[in-house]
PDB file of N, CA and C in Angstrom:
ATOM      1  N   UNK A   1     196.076 175.076 281.940  1.00  0.00           N
ATOM      2  CA  UNK A   1     196.630 175.165 280.589  1.00  0.00           C
ATOM      3  C   UNK A   1     195.897 176.033 279.855  1.00  0.00           C
ATOM      4  N   UNK A   2     194.338 176.165 280.111  1.00  0.00           N
ATOM      5  CA  UNK A   2     193.712 176.917 279.461  1.00  0.00           C
ATOM      6  C   UNK A   2     193.553 178.221 279.479  1.00  0.00           C
ATOM      7  N   UNK A   3     194.007 178.511 280.566  1.00  0.00           N
ATOM      8  CA  UNK A   3     194.207 180.229 280.738  1.00  0.00           C
ATOM      9  C   UNK A   3     195.216 180.586 280.305  1.00  0.00           C
ATOM     10  N   UNK A   4     196.763 179.886 280.299  1.00  0.00           N
ATOM     11  CA  UNK A   4     197.680 180.720 279.738  1.00  0.00           C
ATOM     12  C   UNK A   4     197.584 180.470 277.968  1.00  0.00           C
ATOM     13  N   UNK A   5     196.728 179.087 277.519  1.00  0.00           N
ATOM     14  CA  UNK A   5     196.774 179.608 276.038  1.00  0.00           C
ATOM     15  C   UNK A   5     195.724 180.764 275.438  1.00  0.00           C
ATOM     16  N   UNK A   6     194.626 181.289 276.456  1.00  0.00           N
ATOM     17  CA  UNK A   6     193.991 182.695 276.016  1.00  0.00           C
ATOM     18  C   UNK A   6     194.605 183.596 276.494  1.00  0.00           C
ATOM     19  N   UNK A   7     195.481 183.608 276.866  1.00  0.00           N
ATOM     20  CA  UNK A   7     196.719 185.228 277.178  1.00  0.00           C
ATOM     21  C   UNK A   7     197.386 185.048 275.927  1.00  0.00           C
ATOM     22  N   UNK A   8     198.108 183.441 275.669  1.00  0.00           N
ATOM     23  CA  UNK A   8     198.586 183.770 274.395  1.00  0.00           C
ATOM     24  C   UNK A   8     197.970 184.021 273.172  1.00  0.00           C
ATOM     25  N   UNK A   9     197.003 183.593 273.243  1.00  0.00           N
ATOM     26  CA  UNK A   9     196.011 183.904 271.959  1.00  0.00           C
ATOM     27  C   UNK A   9     195.728 185.530 271.996  1.00  0.00           C
ATOM     28  N   UNK A  10     195.672 186.112 273.133  1.00  0.00           N
ATOM     29  CA  UNK A  10     195.286 187.635 273.407  1.00  0.00           C
ATOM     30  C   UNK A  10     196.574 188.390 272.374  1.00  0.00           C
ATOM     31  N   UNK A  11     197.948 187.900 273.221  1.00  0.00           N
ATOM     32  CA  UNK A  11     198.248 188.140 272.717  1.00  0.00           C
ATOM     33  C   UNK A  11     198.873 188.070 271.374  1.00  0.00           C
ATOM     34  N   UNK A  12     199.043 187.181 270.645  1.00  0.00           N
ATOM     35  CA  UNK A  12     199.213 186.494 268.997  1.00  0.00           C
ATOM     36  C   UNK A  12     198.109 187.538 268.124  1.00  0.00           C
ATOM     37  N   UNK A  13     196.826 187.504 268.544  1.00  0.00           N
ATOM     38  CA  UNK A  13     195.536 188.308 267.660  1.00  0.00           C
ATOM     39  C   UNK A  13     195.507 189.469 268.012  1.00  0.00           C
ATOM     40  N   UNK A  14     196.123 189.562 268.667  1.00  0.00           N
ATOM     41  CA  UNK A  14     195.752 191.171 268.851  1.00  0.00           C
ATOM     42  C   UNK A  14     196.140 192.564 268.098  1.00  0.00           C
ATOM     43  N   UNK A  15     196.949 192.224 267.022  1.00  0.00           N
ATOM     44  CA  UNK A  15     196.749 192.966 265.906  1.00  0.00           C
ATOM     45  C   UNK A  15     195.419 192.604 265.160  1.00  0.00           C
ATOM     46  N   UNK A  16     194.697 191.684 265.281  1.00  0.00           N
ATOM     47  CA  UNK A  16     193.609 191.597 264.127  1.00  0.00           C
ATOM     48  C   UNK A  16     192.597 192.618 264.653  1.00  0.00           C
ATOM     49  N   UNK A  17     191.657 193.466 263.723  1.00  0.00           N
ATOM     50  CA  UNK A  17     191.267 194.558 264.433  1.00  0.00           C
ATOM     51  C   UNK A  17     189.567 194.355 264.158  1.00  0.00           C
ATOM     52  N   UNK A  18     189.618 193.468 263.946  1.00  0.00           N
ATOM     53  CA  UNK A  18     188.154 192.536 264.267  1.00  0.00           C
ATOM     54  C   UNK A  18     187.966 191.881 265.201  1.00  0.00           C
ATOM     55  N   UNK A  19     187.236 191.709 266.017  1.00  0.00           N
ATOM     56  CA  UNK A  19     186.408 190.740 267.260  1.00  0.00           C
ATOM     57  C   UNK A  19     186.382 189.366 267.182  1.00  0.00           C
ATOM     58  N   UNK A  20     185.430 189.181 265.754  1.00  0.00           N
ATOM     59  CA  UNK A  20     185.373 187.828 265.621  1.00  0.00           C
ATOM     60  C   UNK A  20     186.213 187.298 265.284  1.00  0.00           C
ATOM     61  N   UNK A  21     187.711 187.495 264.217  1.00  0.00           N
ATOM     62  CA  UNK A  21     188.967 186.989 264.042  1.00  0.00           C
ATOM     63  C   UNK A  21     189.318 187.161 265.107  1.00  0.00           C
ATOM     64  N   UNK A  22     189.226 187.642 266.035  1.00  0.00           N
ATOM     65  CA  UNK A  22     190.417 187.364 267.405  1.00  0.00           C
ATOM     66  C   UNK A  22     189.530 185.967 268.282  1.00  0.00           C
ATOM     67  N   UNK A  23     189.006 185.909 268.073  1.00  0.00           N
ATOM     68  CA  UNK A  23     187.598 184.899 268.641  1.00  0.00           C
ATOM     69  C   UNK A  23     188.134 183.492 267.811  1.00  0.00           C
ATOM     70  N   UNK A  24     188.075 183.850 266.363  1.00  0.00           N
ATOM     71  CA  UNK A  24     187.693 182.491 265.548  1.00  0.00           C
ATOM     72  C   UNK A  24     189.729 181.838 265.972  1.00  0.00           C
ATOM     73  N   UNK A  25     190.617 182.790 266.084  1.00  0.00           N
ATOM     74  CA  UNK A  25     192.091 182.446 265.982  1.00  0.00           C
ATOM     75  C   UNK A  25     192.133 181.484 267.293  1.00  0.00           C
ATOM     76  N   UNK A  26     191.797 182.606 268.498  1.00  0.00           N
ATOM     77  CA  UNK A  26     192.126 182.096 269.671  1.00  0.00           C
ATOM     78  C   UNK A  26     191.290 179.849 269.665  1.00  0.00           C
ATOM     79  N   UNK A  27     190.063 180.170 269.262  1.00  0.00           N
ATOM     80  CA  UNK A  27     189.149 178.922 268.932  1.00  0.00           C
ATOM     81  C   UNK A  27     190.183 177.836 268.343  1.00  0.00           C
ATOM     82  N   UNK A  28     190.913 178.165 266.805  1.00  0.00           N
ATOM     83  CA  UNK A  28     191.656 177.672 266.016  1.00  0.00           C
ATOM     84  C   UNK A  28     192.787 177.277 266.613  1.00  0.00           C
ATOM     85  N   UNK A  29     193.493 177.765 267.475  1.00  0.00           N
ATOM     86  CA  UNK A  29     194.596 177.406 268.448  1.00  0.00           C
ATOM     87  C   UNK A  29     194.222 176.345 269.344  1.00  0.00           C
ATOM     88  N   UNK A  30     192.554 176.449 270.560  1.00  0.00           N
ATOM     89  CA  UNK A  30     191.960 175.215 270.717  1.00  0.00           C
ATOM     90  C   UNK A  30     192.110 173.901 269.955  1.00  0.00           C
ATOM     91  N   UNK A  31     192.295 173.925 268.716  1.00  0.00           N
ATOM     92  CA  UNK A  31     191.572 173.116 267.863  1.00  0.00           C
ATOM     93  C   UNK A  31     192.675 172.304 267.865  1.00  0.00           C
ATOM     94  N   UNK A  32     193.797 172.896 267.595  1.00  0.00           N
ATOM     95  CA  UNK A  32     195.543 172.440 267.354  1.00  0.00           C
ATOM     96  C   UNK A  32     195.876 171.741 268.070  1.00  0.00           C
ATOM     97  N   UNK A  33     195.314 171.832 269.464  1.00  0.00           N
ATOM     98  CA  UNK A  33     196.078 171.396 270.778  1.00  0.00           C
ATOM     99  C   UNK A  33     195.249 170.425 271.472  1.00  0.00           C
ATOM    100  N   UNK A  34     194.247 169.923 270.456  1.00  0.00           N
ATOM    101  CA  UNK A  34     193.373 168.889 271.059  1.00  0.00           C
ATOM    102  C   UNK A  34     193.577 167.696 270.153  1.00  0.00           C
ATOM    103  N   UNK A  35     193.433 166.659 270.696  1.00  0.00           N
ATOM    104  CA  UNK A  35     193.294 164.966 270.894  1.00  0.00           C
ATOM    105  C   UNK A  35     192.826 165.369 269.418  1.00  0.00           C
ATOM    106  N   UNK A  36     193.206 164.406 268.353  1.00  0.00           N
ATOM    107  CA  UNK A  36     192.386 163.801 267.003  1.00  0.00           C
ATOM    108  C   UNK A  36     193.656 164.177 266.273  1.00  0.00           C
ATOM    109  N   UNK A  37     193.509 163.063 264.946  1.00  0.00           N
ATOM    110  CA  UNK A  37     194.622 162.789 264.152  1.00  0.00           C
ATOM    111  C   UNK A  37     194.542 163.970 262.904  1.00  0.00           C
ATOM    112  N   UNK A  38     193.564 164.393 262.300  1.00  0.00           N
ATOM    113  CA  UNK A  38     192.654 165.430 261.246  1.00  0.00           C
ATOM    114  C   UNK A  38     193.499 166.798 262.213  1.00  0.00           C
ATOM    115  N   UNK A  39     193.865 167.500 261.585  1.00  0.00           N
ATOM    116  CA  UNK A  39     193.680 169.072 262.239  1.00  0.00           C
ATOM    117  C   UNK A  39     193.068 169.819 261.042  1.00  0.00           C
ATOM    118  N   UNK A  40     192.600 169.557 260.198  1.00  0.00           N
ATOM    119  CA  UNK A  40     191.880 170.834 259.336  1.00  0.00           C
ATOM    120  C   UNK A  40     190.141 171.196 259.848  1.00  0.00           C
ATOM    121  N   UNK A  41     189.997 172.060 259.353  1.00  0.00           N
ATOM    122  CA  UNK A  41     188.943 172.833 260.132  1.00  0.00           C
ATOM    123  C   UNK A  41     187.534 171.996 260.170  1.00  0.00           C
ATOM    124  N   UNK A  42     187.225 171.154 259.362  1.00  0.00           N
ATOM    125  CA  UNK A  42     186.005 170.207 259.888  1.00  0.00           C
ATOM    126  C   UNK A  42     186.394 169.151 261.156  1.00  0.00           C
ATOM    127  N   UNK A  43     187.035 168.868 261.334  1.00  0.00           N
ATOM    128  CA  UNK A  43     187.389 167.834 262.637  1.00  0.00           C
ATOM    129  C   UNK A  43     187.365 168.964 263.449  1.00  0.00           C
ATOM    130  N   UNK A  44     188.545 169.420 263.180  1.00  0.00           N
ATOM    131  CA  UNK A  44     188.239 170.401 264.596  1.00  0.00           C
ATOM    132  C   UNK A  44     187.196 170.947 264.721  1.00  0.00           C
ATOM    133  N   UNK A  45     186.384 171.074 263.889  1.00  0.00           N
ATOM    134  CA  UNK A  45     185.296 172.005 264.633  1.00  0.00           C
ATOM    135  C   UNK A  45     184.310 171.122 265.233  1.00  0.00           C
ATOM    136  N   UNK A  46     184.011 169.890 264.328  1.00  0.00           N
ATOM    137  CA  UNK A  46     183.386 168.892 265.057  1.00  0.00           C
ATOM    138  C   UNK A  46     183.801 168.347 266.940  1.00  0.00           C
ATOM    139  N   UNK A  47     185.176 168.448 267.091  1.00  0.00           N
ATOM    140  CA  UNK A  47     185.653 168.260 268.763  1.00  0.00           C
ATOM    141  C   UNK A  47     185.686 169.107 269.196  1.00  0.00           C
ATOM    142  N   UNK A  48     185.309 170.624 268.784  1.00  0.00           N
ATOM    143  CA  UNK A  48     185.399 171.912 269.293  1.00  0.00           C
ATOM    144  C   UNK A  48     183.441 172.062 269.847  1.00  0.00           C
ATOM    145  N   UNK A  49     183.174 171.541 269.031  1.00  0.00           N
ATOM    146  CA  UNK A  49     181.437 171.515 269.273  1.00  0.00           C
ATOM    147  C   UNK A  49     180.598 172.969 268.735  1.00  0.00           C
ATOM    148  N   UNK A  50     181.483 173.624 267.412  1.00  0.00           N
ATOM    149  CA  UNK A  50     180.923 174.530 266.578  1.00  0.00           C
ATOM    150  C   UNK A  50     180.810 174.449 265.173  1.00  0.00           C
ATOM    151  N   UNK A  51     179.997 175.467 264.744  1.00  0.00           N
ATOM    152  CA  UNK A  51     180.225 175.241 262.970  1.00  0.00           C
ATOM    153  C   UNK A  51     180.871 175.070 262.414  1.00  0.00           C
ATOM    154  N   UNK A  52     181.420 174.325 261.314  1.00  0.00           N
ATOM    155  CA  UNK A  52     182.822 174.455 260.969  1.00  0.00           C
ATOM    156  C   UNK A  52     182.659 175.869 259.925  1.00  0.00           C
ATOM    157  N   UNK A  53     184.282 176.603 259.403  1.00  0.00           N
ATOM    158  CA  UNK A  53     183.589 177.652 259.143  1.00  0.00           C
ATOM    159  C   UNK A  53     182.792 177.069 257.725  1.00  0.00           C
ATOM    160  N   UNK A  54     182.413 178.294 256.828  1.00  0.00           N
ATOM    161  CA  UNK A  54     181.842 178.554 255.465  1.00  0.00           C
ATOM    162  C   UNK A  54     183.318 178.854 254.700  1.00  0.00           C
ATOM    163  N   UNK A  55     183.533 178.100 253.471  1.00  0.00           N
ATOM    164  CA  UNK A  55     184.598 178.293 252.581  1.00  0.00           C
ATOM    165  C   UNK A  55     184.549 179.056 251.345  1.00  0.00           C
ATOM    166  N   UNK A  56     184.956 179.058 250.790  1.00  0.00           N
ATOM    167  CA  UNK A  56     184.668 180.594 250.009  1.00  0.00           C
ATOM    168  C   UNK A  56     185.339 180.065 248.617  1.00  0.00           C
ATOM    169  N   UNK A  57     185.532 178.561 248.718  1.00  0.00           N
ATOM    170  CA  UNK A  57     186.329 177.587 247.411  1.00  0.00           C
ATOM    171  C   UNK A  57     185.067 177.520 246.308  1.00  0.00           C
ATOM    172  N   UNK A  58     185.152 177.490 245.282  1.00  0.00           N
ATOM    173  CA  UNK A  58     184.375 177.002 244.240  1.00  0.00           C
ATOM    174  C   UNK A  58     185.000 175.984 243.416  1.00  0.00           C
ATOM    175  N   UNK A  59     183.637 175.195 243.866  1.00  0.00           N
ATOM    176  CA  UNK A  59     184.164 173.523 242.078  1.00  0.00           C
ATOM    177  C   UNK A  59     184.292 174.234 241.149  1.00  0.00           C
TER     178      UNK A  59
END
């Protein structure tokens, strides 16, 4: 299944100009499909074993 997901992600994110955006998009799709109740970035990053993305929100 992972190969099919990577093919799908390649097609979906092909219009993204930046390589890092394409990679993060594919990682995001994987995170959505993993087990786990919460689908926000922090819990998905933990399940994927990567650093969560920095946020640009200010308090």
